[in-house]
Amino acid sequence: MAEHPSEKLAIEKRARLFSVASAEFAQHGFAQASLNRIISEIGMSKSSFYHYFDSKTDLFTQTLNQSMAPFIAARDSFDIDLITAETFWPTVQMMTREMAHMANRSPEMVMVGKMFYRSRENPEEQALTTELMTLTTEWMAALIRRGQVLGLLRTDLPESFVIDMLMSLGMATDRWLLAHWEDFTDEERLALNEKAFDLFVRVLDPG
């Protein structure tokens, strides 16, 4: 994949730009977010901005991709086809724990999460996150099929229904936690993550 022009920015300035942009998108939504406010806050001229980004849409996409990269790396750190009956749930649980720890360590990821869900609320802005949603759904489908082959997940429902149900449950969990993020300590969030994981296990139990 070709390097995005913004990767030529100084690391600190790029990180600052994405941090300010995610806060702006999360607070105002994509349509009402002000590019002028974003670049003014970090001391960047409009001509300099357009040297690195094609548009506000490009900035949104790069902000999302930059923040989600560690989560995607954690998700893709194992080969689904190599998971066994003994390692299926421990592997998935380890991944969810790692993601929860990453979110605790990075306020920027939390803000990007709010930015993501703000864009999902507006049908006209959902196209901004279509690629990420598609990739996540495909990965979820592959994981479910593997679990079913291993006899660990229920097969009494249509696959598309199970996927939609899990995606909806996961997004509802994320939205609630993001909305109440400041109400909990790091330890309490990790404990909630464990309870949410248990909920998913129960929903998918073939028994």
N, C-alpha and C. Protein backbone atom coordinates (compact mmCIF):
# COMPACT_ATOMS: atom_id res chain seq x y z
N MET A 1 0.85 -1.19 0.00
CA MET A 1 0.00 0.00 0.00
C MET A 1 0.89 1.25 0.00
N ALA A 2 0.56 2.22 -0.87
CA ALA A 2 1.36 3.43 -0.97
C ALA A 2 1.26 4.25 0.31
N GLU A 3 2.36 4.93 0.62
CA GLU A 3 2.40 5.76 1.82
C GLU A 3 1.50 6.98 1.62
N HIS A 4 0.69 7.29 2.63
CA HIS A 4 -0.15 8.47 2.54
C HIS A 4 0.72 9.71 2.72
N PRO A 5 0.46 10.79 1.97
CA PRO A 5 1.29 12.00 2.09
C PRO A 5 1.43 12.52 3.52
N SER A 6 0.40 12.32 4.36
CA SER A 6 0.45 12.83 5.73
C SER A 6 1.54 12.15 6.56
N GLU A 7 2.01 11.00 6.12
CA GLU A 7 3.06 10.32 6.86
C GLU A 7 4.40 11.05 6.78
N LYS A 8 4.47 12.04 5.91
CA LYS A 8 5.68 12.86 5.82
C LYS A 8 5.67 13.99 6.86
N LEU A 9 4.53 14.19 7.52
CA LEU A 9 4.47 15.17 8.60
C LEU A 9 5.31 14.70 9.78
N ALA A 10 5.82 15.63 10.57
CA ALA A 10 6.52 15.27 11.80
C ALA A 10 5.57 14.45 12.67
N ILE A 11 6.09 13.43 13.31
CA ILE A 11 5.26 12.50 14.09
C ILE A 11 4.40 13.23 15.09
N GLU A 12 5.00 14.18 15.83
CA GLU A 12 4.27 14.89 16.86
C GLU A 12 3.14 15.74 16.27
N LYS A 13 3.43 16.40 15.14
CA LYS A 13 2.41 17.26 14.53
C LYS A 13 1.29 16.41 13.95
N ARG A 14 1.62 15.28 13.35
CA ARG A 14 0.60 14.40 12.79
C ARG A 14 -0.32 13.86 13.90
N ALA A 15 0.30 13.46 15.01
CA ALA A 15 -0.49 12.95 16.13
C ALA A 15 -1.39 14.04 16.69
N ARG A 16 -0.86 15.25 16.80
CA ARG A 16 -1.64 16.38 17.30
C ARG A 16 -2.80 16.70 16.36
N LEU A 17 -2.55 16.66 15.06
CA LEU A 17 -3.59 16.93 14.08
C LEU A 17 -4.72 15.91 14.20
N PHE A 18 -4.38 14.64 14.30
CA PHE A 18 -5.41 13.60 14.40
C PHE A 18 -6.18 13.71 15.72
N SER A 19 -5.49 14.11 16.78
CA SER A 19 -6.15 14.27 18.07
C SER A 19 -7.18 15.40 18.01
N VAL A 20 -6.78 16.53 17.46
CA VAL A 20 -7.69 17.68 17.35
C VAL A 20 -8.83 17.35 16.39
N ALA A 21 -8.52 16.68 15.29
CA ALA A 21 -9.54 16.34 14.31
C ALA A 21 -10.58 15.38 14.89
N SER A 22 -10.12 14.37 15.63
CA SER A 22 -11.07 13.40 16.20
C SER A 22 -12.01 14.08 17.18
N ALA A 23 -11.49 15.02 17.97
CA ALA A 23 -12.33 15.74 18.92
C ALA A 23 -13.36 16.59 18.19
N GLU A 24 -12.95 17.24 17.11
CA GLU A 24 -13.85 18.07 16.32
C GLU A 24 -14.95 17.22 15.66
N PHE A 25 -14.56 16.12 15.07
CA PHE A 25 -15.54 15.24 14.42
C PHE A 25 -16.49 14.61 15.43
N ALA A 26 -15.96 14.25 16.60
CA ALA A 26 -16.79 13.63 17.63
C ALA A 26 -17.80 14.61 18.19
N GLN A 27 -17.39 15.85 18.36
CA GLN A 27 -18.27 16.85 18.97
C GLN A 27 -19.32 17.39 18.00
N HIS A 28 -18.92 17.61 16.75
CA HIS A 28 -19.80 18.30 15.81
C HIS A 28 -20.36 17.42 14.70
N GLY A 29 -19.82 16.21 14.55
CA GLY A 29 -20.21 15.40 13.40
C GLY A 29 -19.44 15.83 12.18
N PHE A 30 -19.37 14.98 11.18
CA PHE A 30 -18.53 15.29 10.02
C PHE A 30 -18.99 16.54 9.28
N ALA A 31 -20.28 16.63 9.00
CA ALA A 31 -20.78 17.73 8.19
C ALA A 31 -20.53 19.09 8.84
N GLN A 32 -20.70 19.16 10.15
CA GLN A 32 -20.56 20.43 10.86
C GLN A 32 -19.15 20.68 11.39
N ALA A 33 -18.29 19.70 11.29
CA ALA A 33 -16.91 19.88 11.75
C ALA A 33 -16.22 20.94 10.89
N SER A 34 -15.46 21.79 11.54
CA SER A 34 -14.80 22.89 10.84
C SER A 34 -13.33 22.58 10.59
N LEU A 35 -12.97 22.49 9.32
CA LEU A 35 -11.57 22.29 8.97
C LEU A 35 -10.73 23.48 9.42
N ASN A 36 -11.30 24.67 9.33
CA ASN A 36 -10.58 25.87 9.76
C ASN A 36 -10.25 25.81 11.25
N ARG A 37 -11.20 25.35 12.07
CA ARG A 37 -10.94 25.23 13.51
C ARG A 37 -9.82 24.23 13.77
N ILE A 38 -9.85 23.12 13.04
CA ILE A 38 -8.85 22.07 13.25
C ILE A 38 -7.45 22.58 12.95
N ILE A 39 -7.27 23.14 11.76
CA ILE A 39 -5.92 23.54 11.37
C ILE A 39 -5.46 24.78 12.13
N SER A 40 -6.41 25.63 12.52
CA SER A 40 -6.06 26.81 13.30
C SER A 40 -5.51 26.40 14.67
N GLU A 41 -6.12 25.37 15.27
CA GLU A 41 -5.70 24.95 16.60
C GLU A 41 -4.29 24.39 16.62
N ILE A 42 -3.85 23.81 15.51
CA ILE A 42 -2.49 23.24 15.50
C ILE A 42 -1.51 24.15 14.76
N GLY A 43 -1.99 25.32 14.33
CA GLY A 43 -1.11 26.27 13.67
C GLY A 43 -0.69 25.84 12.28
N MET A 44 -1.63 25.33 11.52
CA MET A 44 -1.34 24.84 10.17
C MET A 44 -2.10 25.68 9.16
N SER A 45 -1.46 26.08 8.09
CA SER A 45 -2.14 26.85 7.06
C SER A 45 -2.98 25.93 6.18
N LYS A 46 -3.95 26.51 5.49
CA LYS A 46 -4.80 25.70 4.63
C LYS A 46 -4.00 25.14 3.46
N SER A 47 -3.08 25.91 2.92
CA SER A 47 -2.26 25.42 1.81
C SER A 47 -1.39 24.26 2.26
N SER A 48 -0.88 24.33 3.49
CA SER A 48 -0.07 23.23 4.02
C SER A 48 -0.94 21.99 4.23
N PHE A 49 -2.15 22.20 4.72
CA PHE A 49 -3.05 21.07 4.93
C PHE A 49 -3.29 20.33 3.62
N TYR A 50 -3.60 21.09 2.56
CA TYR A 50 -3.92 20.45 1.28
C TYR A 50 -2.69 19.85 0.59
N HIS A 51 -1.54 20.14 1.12
CA HIS A 51 -0.33 19.47 0.63
C HIS A 51 -0.30 18.01 1.11
N TYR A 52 -0.94 17.76 2.26
CA TYR A 52 -0.91 16.42 2.87
C TYR A 52 -2.24 15.67 2.76
N PHE A 53 -3.33 16.39 2.61
CA PHE A 53 -4.65 15.76 2.58
C PHE A 53 -5.45 16.30 1.40
N ASP A 54 -6.24 15.43 0.79
CA ASP A 54 -7.06 15.85 -0.35
C ASP A 54 -8.26 16.67 0.08
N SER A 55 -8.78 16.37 1.28
CA SER A 55 -10.05 16.98 1.70
C SER A 55 -10.31 16.69 3.17
N LYS A 56 -11.41 17.21 3.68
CA LYS A 56 -11.83 16.90 5.04
C LYS A 56 -12.16 15.42 5.16
N THR A 57 -12.71 14.85 4.10
CA THR A 57 -13.00 13.42 4.09
C THR A 57 -11.72 12.60 4.24
N ASP A 58 -10.69 13.01 3.54
CA ASP A 58 -9.39 12.33 3.63
C ASP A 58 -8.84 12.42 5.04
N LEU A 59 -9.00 13.57 5.68
CA LEU A 59 -8.53 13.73 7.07
C LEU A 59 -9.31 12.79 7.99
N PHE A 60 -10.62 12.71 7.82
CA PHE A 60 -11.44 11.81 8.64
C PHE A 60 -10.96 10.37 8.48
N THR A 61 -10.76 9.96 7.23
CA THR A 61 -10.36 8.58 6.95
C THR A 61 -9.01 8.27 7.55
N GLN A 62 -8.06 9.17 7.41
CA GLN A 62 -6.72 8.92 7.95
C GLN A 62 -6.71 8.95 9.47
N THR A 63 -7.53 9.80 10.07
CA THR A 63 -7.64 9.83 11.53
C THR A 63 -8.19 8.50 12.04
N LEU A 64 -9.21 8.00 11.36
CA LEU A 64 -9.81 6.71 11.73
C LEU A 64 -8.81 5.57 11.54
N ASN A 65 -8.15 5.54 10.39
CA ASN A 65 -7.21 4.45 10.09
C ASN A 65 -6.03 4.43 11.06
N GLN A 66 -5.52 5.63 11.38
CA GLN A 66 -4.38 5.72 12.28
C GLN A 66 -4.72 5.16 13.65
N SER A 67 -5.89 5.51 14.16
CA SER A 67 -6.28 5.07 15.50
C SER A 67 -6.64 3.59 15.53
N MET A 68 -7.28 3.10 14.47
CA MET A 68 -7.74 1.72 14.46
C MET A 68 -6.63 0.73 14.14
N ALA A 69 -5.50 1.20 13.64
CA ALA A 69 -4.42 0.29 13.22
C ALA A 69 -4.01 -0.69 14.32
N PRO A 70 -3.81 -0.24 15.58
CA PRO A 70 -3.43 -1.20 16.62
C PRO A 70 -4.52 -2.25 16.90
N PHE A 71 -5.79 -1.84 16.82
CA PHE A 71 -6.88 -2.79 17.03
C PHE A 71 -6.90 -3.83 15.91
N ILE A 72 -6.72 -3.36 14.68
CA ILE A 72 -6.74 -4.27 13.53
C ILE A 72 -5.55 -5.22 13.61
N ALA A 73 -4.39 -4.71 14.05
CA ALA A 73 -3.22 -5.57 14.19
C ALA A 73 -3.46 -6.66 15.23
N ALA A 74 -4.13 -6.29 16.33
CA ALA A 74 -4.45 -7.28 17.37
C ALA A 74 -5.43 -8.31 16.83
N ARG A 75 -6.39 -7.85 16.07
CA ARG A 75 -7.39 -8.74 15.48
C ARG A 75 -6.76 -9.71 14.48
N ASP A 76 -5.80 -9.21 13.72
CA ASP A 76 -5.19 -10.02 12.66
C ASP A 76 -3.92 -10.74 13.12
N SER A 77 -3.66 -10.73 14.42
CA SER A 77 -2.42 -11.32 14.93
C SER A 77 -2.45 -12.85 14.96
N PHE A 78 -3.60 -13.43 14.66
CA PHE A 78 -3.68 -14.89 14.64
C PHE A 78 -4.46 -15.33 13.40
N ASP A 79 -4.17 -16.55 12.96
CA ASP A 79 -4.81 -17.13 11.79
C ASP A 79 -6.06 -17.88 12.23
N ILE A 80 -7.21 -17.41 11.81
CA ILE A 80 -8.48 -18.02 12.23
C ILE A 80 -8.51 -19.51 11.89
N ASP A 81 -7.98 -19.88 10.75
CA ASP A 81 -8.03 -21.28 10.31
C ASP A 81 -7.18 -22.21 11.17
N LEU A 82 -6.28 -21.64 11.95
CA LEU A 82 -5.41 -22.46 12.79
C LEU A 82 -5.92 -22.59 14.22
N ILE A 83 -7.00 -21.90 14.54
CA ILE A 83 -7.57 -21.99 15.89
C ILE A 83 -8.19 -23.37 16.10
N THR A 84 -7.95 -23.93 17.26
CA THR A 84 -8.51 -25.24 17.61
C THR A 84 -9.65 -25.06 18.61
N ALA A 85 -10.32 -26.17 18.91
CA ALA A 85 -11.40 -26.12 19.89
C ALA A 85 -10.88 -25.67 21.25
N GLU A 86 -9.65 -26.03 21.57
CA GLU A 86 -9.07 -25.68 22.86
C GLU A 86 -8.64 -24.21 22.91
N THR A 87 -8.27 -23.64 21.76
CA THR A 87 -7.73 -22.28 21.77
C THR A 87 -8.73 -21.22 21.30
N PHE A 88 -9.91 -21.63 20.83
CA PHE A 88 -10.85 -20.67 20.24
C PHE A 88 -11.22 -19.55 21.22
N TRP A 89 -11.88 -19.92 22.33
CA TRP A 89 -12.33 -18.88 23.26
C TRP A 89 -11.17 -18.18 23.97
N PRO A 90 -10.12 -18.90 24.40
CA PRO A 90 -8.99 -18.19 25.01
C PRO A 90 -8.35 -17.17 24.06
N THR A 91 -8.29 -17.50 22.76
CA THR A 91 -7.70 -16.58 21.79
C THR A 91 -8.56 -15.33 21.63
N VAL A 92 -9.87 -15.53 21.50
CA VAL A 92 -10.78 -14.39 21.33
C VAL A 92 -10.77 -13.53 22.60
N GLN A 93 -10.76 -14.17 23.75
CA GLN A 93 -10.74 -13.42 25.00
C GLN A 93 -9.46 -12.62 25.16
N MET A 94 -8.33 -13.21 24.79
CA MET A 94 -7.06 -12.50 24.86
C MET A 94 -7.08 -11.27 23.96
N MET A 95 -7.66 -11.40 22.77
CA MET A 95 -7.75 -10.28 21.85
C MET A 95 -8.61 -9.16 22.43
N THR A 96 -9.77 -9.51 23.01
CA THR A 96 -10.65 -8.48 23.56
C THR A 96 -9.98 -7.79 24.76
N ARG A 97 -9.24 -8.55 25.56
CA ARG A 97 -8.53 -7.94 26.69
C ARG A 97 -7.46 -6.97 26.20
N GLU A 98 -6.74 -7.37 25.16
CA GLU A 98 -5.68 -6.50 24.63
C GLU A 98 -6.28 -5.21 24.10
N MET A 99 -7.40 -5.30 23.42
CA MET A 99 -8.05 -4.10 22.90
C MET A 99 -8.54 -3.20 24.03
N ALA A 100 -9.06 -3.81 25.09
CA ALA A 100 -9.53 -3.03 26.24
C ALA A 100 -8.37 -2.29 26.90
N HIS A 101 -7.24 -2.96 27.03
CA HIS A 101 -6.05 -2.32 27.61
C HIS A 101 -5.58 -1.16 26.73
N MET A 102 -5.60 -1.36 25.41
CA MET A 102 -5.17 -0.31 24.49
C MET A 102 -6.06 0.92 24.62
N ALA A 103 -7.36 0.71 24.73
CA ALA A 103 -8.29 1.83 24.87
C ALA A 103 -8.04 2.58 26.17
N ASN A 104 -7.76 1.86 27.24
CA ASN A 104 -7.46 2.50 28.52
C ASN A 104 -6.21 3.36 28.44
N ARG A 105 -5.25 2.91 27.66
CA ARG A 105 -3.96 3.63 27.58
C ARG A 105 -4.00 4.80 26.61
N SER A 106 -5.03 4.88 25.78
CA SER A 106 -5.03 5.89 24.72
C SER A 106 -6.33 6.68 24.66
N PRO A 107 -6.36 7.87 25.26
CA PRO A 107 -7.56 8.72 25.16
C PRO A 107 -7.91 9.05 23.71
N GLU A 108 -6.89 9.09 22.83
CA GLU A 108 -7.14 9.39 21.43
C GLU A 108 -8.03 8.32 20.79
N MET A 109 -7.80 7.05 21.15
CA MET A 109 -8.61 5.98 20.60
C MET A 109 -10.06 6.11 21.05
N VAL A 110 -10.25 6.54 22.27
CA VAL A 110 -11.60 6.73 22.79
C VAL A 110 -12.31 7.84 22.00
N MET A 111 -11.61 8.92 21.74
CA MET A 111 -12.20 10.02 20.99
C MET A 111 -12.52 9.60 19.56
N VAL A 112 -11.66 8.81 18.96
CA VAL A 112 -11.92 8.32 17.60
C VAL A 112 -13.13 7.39 17.60
N GLY A 113 -13.28 6.62 18.67
CA GLY A 113 -14.47 5.78 18.80
C GLY A 113 -15.73 6.62 18.81
N LYS A 114 -15.71 7.72 19.54
CA LYS A 114 -16.87 8.62 19.57
C LYS A 114 -17.10 9.25 18.20
N MET A 115 -16.01 9.58 17.52
CA MET A 115 -16.08 10.13 16.17
C MET A 115 -16.74 9.13 15.22
N PHE A 116 -16.31 7.87 15.33
CA PHE A 116 -16.83 6.80 14.49
C PHE A 116 -18.34 6.66 14.67
N TYR A 117 -18.79 6.56 15.92
CA TYR A 117 -20.21 6.34 16.16
C TYR A 117 -21.05 7.58 15.87
N ARG A 118 -20.47 8.75 16.01
CA ARG A 118 -21.19 9.97 15.62
C ARG A 118 -21.49 9.93 14.12
N SER A 119 -20.53 9.46 13.33
CA SER A 119 -20.74 9.39 11.88
C SER A 119 -21.76 8.32 11.52
N ARG A 120 -21.86 7.26 12.35
CA ARG A 120 -22.83 6.19 12.05
C ARG A 120 -24.27 6.63 12.31
N GLU A 121 -24.44 7.70 13.10
CA GLU A 121 -25.79 8.17 13.42
C GLU A 121 -26.45 8.88 12.24
N ASN A 122 -25.64 9.38 11.32
CA ASN A 122 -26.16 10.14 10.19
C ASN A 122 -26.04 9.29 8.92
N PRO A 123 -27.17 8.90 8.32
CA PRO A 123 -27.14 8.07 7.11
C PRO A 123 -26.26 8.66 6.01
N GLU A 124 -26.21 9.98 5.91
CA GLU A 124 -25.42 10.62 4.87
C GLU A 124 -23.93 10.52 5.13
N GLU A 125 -23.55 10.19 6.37
CA GLU A 125 -22.13 10.10 6.71
C GLU A 125 -21.64 8.66 6.88
N GLN A 126 -22.55 7.70 6.79
CA GLN A 126 -22.17 6.32 7.04
C GLN A 126 -21.16 5.78 6.03
N ALA A 127 -21.15 6.37 4.84
CA ALA A 127 -20.20 5.94 3.82
C ALA A 127 -18.75 6.13 4.28
N LEU A 128 -18.53 7.05 5.21
CA LEU A 128 -17.19 7.32 5.72
C LEU A 128 -16.60 6.10 6.42
N THR A 129 -17.46 5.25 6.96
CA THR A 129 -16.98 4.11 7.75
C THR A 129 -17.38 2.78 7.12
N THR A 130 -17.87 2.82 5.88
CA THR A 130 -18.33 1.59 5.23
C THR A 130 -17.22 0.55 5.09
N GLU A 131 -16.05 0.98 4.68
CA GLU A 131 -14.95 0.03 4.47
C GLU A 131 -14.58 -0.68 5.77
N LEU A 132 -14.47 0.07 6.86
CA LEU A 132 -14.13 -0.53 8.15
C LEU A 132 -15.24 -1.48 8.59
N MET A 133 -16.48 -1.11 8.43
CA MET A 133 -17.60 -1.96 8.81
C MET A 133 -17.61 -3.25 7.98
N THR A 134 -17.32 -3.13 6.70
CA THR A 134 -17.31 -4.30 5.82
C THR A 134 -16.21 -5.28 6.23
N LEU A 135 -15.02 -4.76 6.47
CA LEU A 135 -13.89 -5.61 6.86
C LEU A 135 -14.16 -6.29 8.21
N THR A 136 -14.75 -5.53 9.13
CA THR A 136 -15.06 -6.09 10.46
C THR A 136 -16.11 -7.19 10.35
N THR A 137 -17.13 -6.96 9.53
CA THR A 137 -18.18 -7.95 9.34
C THR A 137 -17.64 -9.22 8.70
N GLU A 138 -16.77 -9.06 7.72
CA GLU A 138 -16.17 -10.23 7.05
C GLU A 138 -15.33 -11.04 8.02
N TRP A 139 -14.57 -10.33 8.87
CA TRP A 139 -13.73 -11.02 9.86
C TRP A 139 -14.61 -11.75 10.87
N MET A 140 -15.68 -11.10 11.31
CA MET A 140 -16.61 -11.72 12.25
C MET A 140 -17.22 -12.97 11.65
N ALA A 141 -17.60 -12.92 10.38
CA ALA A 141 -18.20 -14.07 9.71
C ALA A 141 -17.23 -15.24 9.66
N ALA A 142 -15.97 -14.95 9.36
CA ALA A 142 -14.95 -16.00 9.29
C ALA A 142 -14.74 -16.64 10.66
N LEU A 143 -14.74 -15.82 11.70
CA LEU A 143 -14.55 -16.34 13.06
C LEU A 143 -15.74 -17.21 13.47
N ILE A 144 -16.94 -16.78 13.13
CA ILE A 144 -18.13 -17.55 13.47
C ILE A 144 -18.12 -18.91 12.76
N ARG A 145 -17.77 -18.89 11.48
CA ARG A 145 -17.73 -20.16 10.74
C ARG A 145 -16.72 -21.12 11.35
N ARG A 146 -15.58 -20.60 11.77
CA ARG A 146 -14.58 -21.46 12.39
C ARG A 146 -15.11 -22.05 13.70
N GLY A 147 -15.76 -21.23 14.50
CA GLY A 147 -16.32 -21.71 15.75
C GLY A 147 -17.39 -22.75 15.53
N GLN A 148 -18.18 -22.58 14.49
CA GLN A 148 -19.22 -23.56 14.18
C GLN A 148 -18.61 -24.89 13.72
N VAL A 149 -17.57 -24.82 12.89
CA VAL A 149 -16.89 -26.03 12.43
C VAL A 149 -16.33 -26.81 13.62
N LEU A 150 -15.86 -26.07 14.62
CA LEU A 150 -15.28 -26.71 15.82
C LEU A 150 -16.36 -27.17 16.80
N GLY A 151 -17.62 -26.90 16.49
CA GLY A 151 -18.71 -27.32 17.36
C GLY A 151 -18.89 -26.46 18.59
N LEU A 152 -18.35 -25.23 18.57
CA LEU A 152 -18.38 -24.36 19.75
C LEU A 152 -19.49 -23.30 19.68
N LEU A 153 -20.00 -23.05 18.48
CA LEU A 153 -21.00 -21.99 18.32
C LEU A 153 -22.29 -22.56 17.74
N ARG A 154 -23.38 -21.93 18.08
CA ARG A 154 -24.69 -22.38 17.65
C ARG A 154 -24.82 -22.32 16.13
N THR A 155 -25.57 -23.25 15.58
CA THR A 155 -25.81 -23.31 14.14
C THR A 155 -27.29 -23.33 13.82
N ASP A 156 -28.11 -23.02 14.82
CA ASP A 156 -29.56 -23.11 14.63
C ASP A 156 -30.17 -21.85 14.04
N LEU A 157 -29.34 -20.85 13.76
CA LEU A 157 -29.83 -19.60 13.21
C LEU A 157 -29.08 -19.29 11.91
N PRO A 158 -29.71 -18.56 10.98
CA PRO A 158 -29.02 -18.17 9.75
C PRO A 158 -27.75 -17.38 10.07
N GLU A 159 -26.70 -17.62 9.31
CA GLU A 159 -25.43 -16.95 9.58
C GLU A 159 -25.57 -15.43 9.56
N SER A 160 -26.30 -14.91 8.59
CA SER A 160 -26.44 -13.46 8.49
C SER A 160 -27.14 -12.87 9.71
N PHE A 161 -28.08 -13.63 10.28
CA PHE A 161 -28.76 -13.17 11.49
C PHE A 161 -27.79 -13.13 12.67
N VAL A 162 -26.98 -14.18 12.81
CA VAL A 162 -26.01 -14.23 13.90
C VAL A 162 -25.01 -13.08 13.79
N ILE A 163 -24.52 -12.84 12.57
CA ILE A 163 -23.55 -11.76 12.36
C ILE A 163 -24.17 -10.41 12.69
N ASP A 164 -25.37 -10.15 12.18
CA ASP A 164 -26.04 -8.87 12.46
C ASP A 164 -26.28 -8.70 13.95
N MET A 165 -26.66 -9.79 14.61
CA MET A 165 -26.93 -9.74 16.04
C MET A 165 -25.66 -9.39 16.82
N LEU A 166 -24.55 -10.03 16.46
CA LEU A 166 -23.30 -9.79 17.17
C LEU A 166 -22.75 -8.40 16.88
N MET A 167 -22.85 -7.95 15.64
CA MET A 167 -22.39 -6.61 15.31
C MET A 167 -23.21 -5.57 16.07
N SER A 168 -24.53 -5.78 16.14
CA SER A 168 -25.39 -4.84 16.86
C SER A 168 -25.08 -4.84 18.35
N LEU A 169 -24.85 -6.03 18.90
CA LEU A 169 -24.52 -6.14 20.32
C LEU A 169 -23.18 -5.48 20.61
N GLY A 170 -22.20 -5.72 19.73
CA GLY A 170 -20.89 -5.11 19.92
C GLY A 170 -20.94 -3.60 19.83
N MET A 171 -21.68 -3.09 18.87
CA MET A 171 -21.76 -1.64 18.70
C MET A 171 -22.54 -1.00 19.84
N ALA A 172 -23.58 -1.67 20.31
CA ALA A 172 -24.33 -1.14 21.45
C ALA A 172 -23.45 -1.09 22.70
N THR A 173 -22.63 -2.12 22.88
CA THR A 173 -21.70 -2.16 24.01
C THR A 173 -20.69 -1.02 23.91
N ASP A 174 -20.11 -0.84 22.71
CA ASP A 174 -19.14 0.23 22.50
C ASP A 174 -19.76 1.60 22.76
N ARG A 175 -20.93 1.83 22.19
CA ARG A 175 -21.58 3.13 22.34
C ARG A 175 -21.84 3.45 23.82
N TRP A 176 -22.34 2.47 24.54
CA TRP A 176 -22.65 2.71 25.95
C TRP A 176 -21.38 3.01 26.72
N LEU A 177 -20.36 2.21 26.50
CA LEU A 177 -19.11 2.41 27.25
C LEU A 177 -18.47 3.74 26.91
N LEU A 178 -18.49 4.13 25.64
CA LEU A 178 -17.92 5.42 25.25
C LEU A 178 -18.70 6.57 25.88
N ALA A 179 -20.01 6.43 25.95
CA ALA A 179 -20.84 7.48 26.54
C ALA A 179 -20.60 7.62 28.04
N HIS A 180 -20.18 6.52 28.68
CA HIS A 180 -19.98 6.53 30.14
C HIS A 180 -18.51 6.34 30.51
N TRP A 181 -17.63 6.63 29.58
CA TRP A 181 -16.21 6.33 29.77
C TRP A 181 -15.64 6.94 31.05
N GLU A 182 -15.96 8.18 31.29
CA GLU A 182 -15.40 8.89 32.43
C GLU A 182 -16.01 8.47 33.76
N ASP A 183 -17.05 7.66 33.71
CA ASP A 183 -17.71 7.22 34.95
C ASP A 183 -16.97 6.06 35.62
N PHE A 184 -16.00 5.48 34.91
CA PHE A 184 -15.35 4.28 35.42
C PHE A 184 -13.83 4.44 35.47
N THR A 185 -13.23 3.68 36.37
CA THR A 185 -11.77 3.61 36.42
C THR A 185 -11.29 2.62 35.36
N ASP A 186 -9.99 2.60 35.12
CA ASP A 186 -9.43 1.64 34.16
C ASP A 186 -9.81 0.21 34.55
N GLU A 187 -9.69 -0.10 35.83
CA GLU A 187 -9.98 -1.45 36.31
C GLU A 187 -11.45 -1.80 36.11
N GLU A 188 -12.33 -0.83 36.36
CA GLU A 188 -13.76 -1.08 36.20
C GLU A 188 -14.12 -1.31 34.73
N ARG A 189 -13.45 -0.59 33.83
CA ARG A 189 -13.69 -0.80 32.40
C ARG A 189 -13.25 -2.19 31.98
N LEU A 190 -12.12 -2.63 32.49
CA LEU A 190 -11.63 -3.97 32.17
C LEU A 190 -12.59 -5.03 32.69
N ALA A 191 -13.15 -4.80 33.86
CA ALA A 191 -14.13 -5.74 34.44
C ALA A 191 -15.39 -5.77 33.58
N LEU A 192 -15.83 -4.61 33.10
CA LEU A 192 -17.00 -4.56 32.21
C LEU A 192 -16.72 -5.30 30.91
N ASN A 193 -15.50 -5.17 30.42
CA ASN A 193 -15.11 -5.87 29.20
C ASN A 193 -15.24 -7.39 29.38
N GLU A 194 -14.85 -7.88 30.56
CA GLU A 194 -14.97 -9.32 30.83
C GLU A 194 -16.43 -9.75 30.86
N LYS A 195 -17.28 -8.92 31.44
CA LYS A 195 -18.71 -9.25 31.50
C LYS A 195 -19.33 -9.22 30.11
N ALA A 196 -18.90 -8.26 29.29
CA ALA A 196 -19.41 -8.19 27.92
C ALA A 196 -18.97 -9.42 27.13
N PHE A 197 -17.73 -9.84 27.35
CA PHE A 197 -17.23 -11.04 26.68
C PHE A 197 -18.08 -12.26 27.07
N ASP A 198 -18.40 -12.37 28.35
CA ASP A 198 -19.23 -13.48 28.82
C ASP A 198 -20.60 -13.44 28.17
N LEU A 199 -21.12 -12.24 27.94
CA LEU A 199 -22.42 -12.09 27.28
C LEU A 199 -22.37 -12.65 25.86
N PHE A 200 -21.31 -12.35 25.13
CA PHE A 200 -21.15 -12.86 23.78
C PHE A 200 -21.06 -14.39 23.77
N VAL A 201 -20.31 -14.92 24.73
CA VAL A 201 -20.18 -16.38 24.82
C VAL A 201 -21.54 -17.03 25.03
N ARG A 202 -22.33 -16.45 25.91
CA ARG A 202 -23.65 -17.01 26.21
C ARG A 202 -24.59 -16.94 25.01
N VAL A 203 -24.51 -15.84 24.28
CA VAL A 203 -25.36 -15.68 23.10
C VAL A 203 -25.04 -16.73 22.04
N LEU A 204 -23.76 -17.08 21.93
CA LEU A 204 -23.32 -18.00 20.88
C LEU A 204 -23.29 -19.46 21.30
N ASP A 205 -23.52 -19.72 22.57
CA ASP A 205 -23.46 -21.10 23.09
C ASP A 205 -24.44 -22.00 22.36
N PRO A 206 -23.95 -23.12 21.82
CA PRO A 206 -24.85 -24.03 21.07
C PRO A 206 -25.83 -24.76 21.97
N GLY A 207 -25.57 -24.76 23.30
CA GLY A 207 -26.47 -25.50 24.20
C GLY A 207 -27.76 -24.77 24.47
